[in-house]
Amino acid sequence: MTTESPRWFTSSYSGNGGQCVQVATNLAATRGTVPVRDSKNPGGPALNLRAGAFSSFVAGLKSGAFGSI
């Protein structure tokens, strides 16, 4: 069991519009999860995604699989 704390990261692509999420990819190797939280509420809940699911999601975003916003 690891006691490593999440190191939260906000993408450099995020503007200052307040609609950002933060991720803690440092836990992927040790826990197999990538926590995701709302940057406007850092003390609020985090959604723990399986590392493989998060990787697939990011790959889909990069490929344009979800369309443009």
Protein backbone atom coordinates (compact mmCIF):
# COMPACT_ATOMS: atom_id res chain seq x y z
CA MET A 1 0.00 0.00 0.00
CA THR A 2 1.33 3.42 -0.92
CA THR A 3 0.88 6.61 1.02
CA GLU A 4 1.88 8.82 -1.90
CA SER A 5 -0.20 11.98 -2.20
CA PRO A 6 -1.66 13.22 -5.48
CA ARG A 7 0.41 15.87 -7.25
CA TRP A 8 -2.28 17.89 -9.01
CA PHE A 9 -1.64 19.22 -12.49
CA THR A 10 -3.61 21.65 -14.64
CA SER A 11 -2.97 21.52 -18.37
CA SER A 12 -1.05 24.38 -19.93
CA TYR A 13 -3.87 24.45 -22.51
CA SER A 14 -6.27 25.57 -19.79
CA GLY A 15 -7.08 29.25 -19.79
CA ASN A 16 -8.13 31.31 -16.83
CA GLY A 17 -11.82 30.84 -17.60
CA GLY A 18 -12.36 28.71 -14.52
CA GLN A 19 -13.65 25.68 -16.41
CA CYS A 20 -10.65 23.42 -15.88
CA VAL A 21 -9.98 20.06 -14.35
CA GLN A 22 -6.87 18.93 -12.55
CA VAL A 23 -5.36 15.45 -12.73
CA ALA A 24 -2.83 13.60 -10.59
CA THR A 25 -1.04 11.29 -13.02
CA ASN A 26 1.67 10.45 -10.47
CA LEU A 27 -0.61 7.78 -8.98
CA ALA A 28 -1.10 5.81 -12.21
CA ALA A 29 1.89 3.52 -11.68
CA THR A 30 1.46 2.87 -7.97
CA ARG A 31 -2.34 2.78 -7.66
CA GLY A 32 -3.52 2.24 -11.22
CA THR A 33 -5.76 5.29 -11.02
CA VAL A 34 -5.75 8.89 -12.21
CA PRO A 35 -7.71 11.16 -9.88
CA VAL A 36 -9.54 14.05 -11.58
CA ARG A 37 -11.05 17.05 -9.77
CA ASP A 38 -12.63 20.43 -10.48
CA SER A 39 -9.97 23.14 -10.34
CA LYS A 40 -12.50 25.60 -8.88
CA ASN A 41 -13.13 23.28 -5.91
CA PRO A 42 -9.80 21.66 -4.99
CA GLY A 43 -11.13 20.59 -1.60
CA GLY A 44 -14.09 18.83 -3.17
CA PRO A 45 -14.41 15.26 -4.36
CA ALA A 46 -12.12 13.64 -6.90
CA LEU A 47 -13.15 11.08 -9.49
CA ASN A 48 -10.68 8.18 -9.59
CA LEU A 49 -10.40 6.87 -13.14
CA ARG A 50 -8.60 3.66 -14.05
CA ALA A 51 -5.29 4.57 -15.68
CA GLY A 52 -6.14 2.69 -18.90
CA ALA A 53 -9.50 4.42 -19.20
CA PHE A 54 -7.89 7.83 -18.68
CA SER A 55 -5.25 7.07 -21.34
CA SER A 56 -7.95 6.03 -23.80
CA PHE A 57 -9.91 9.20 -23.08
CA VAL A 58 -6.87 11.44 -23.66
CA ALA A 59 -6.04 9.58 -26.88
CA GLY A 60 -9.62 10.13 -28.05
CA LEU A 61 -9.39 13.84 -27.31
CA LYS A 62 -6.12 14.14 -29.23
CA SER A 63 -7.52 12.29 -32.24
CA GLY A 64 -10.69 14.40 -32.36
CA ALA A 65 -12.92 11.40 -31.68
CA PHE A 66 -15.28 13.56 -29.61
CA GLY A 67 -15.59 16.39 -32.14
CA SER A 68 -14.71 19.98 -31.48
CA ILE A 69 -16.19 22.25 -28.88
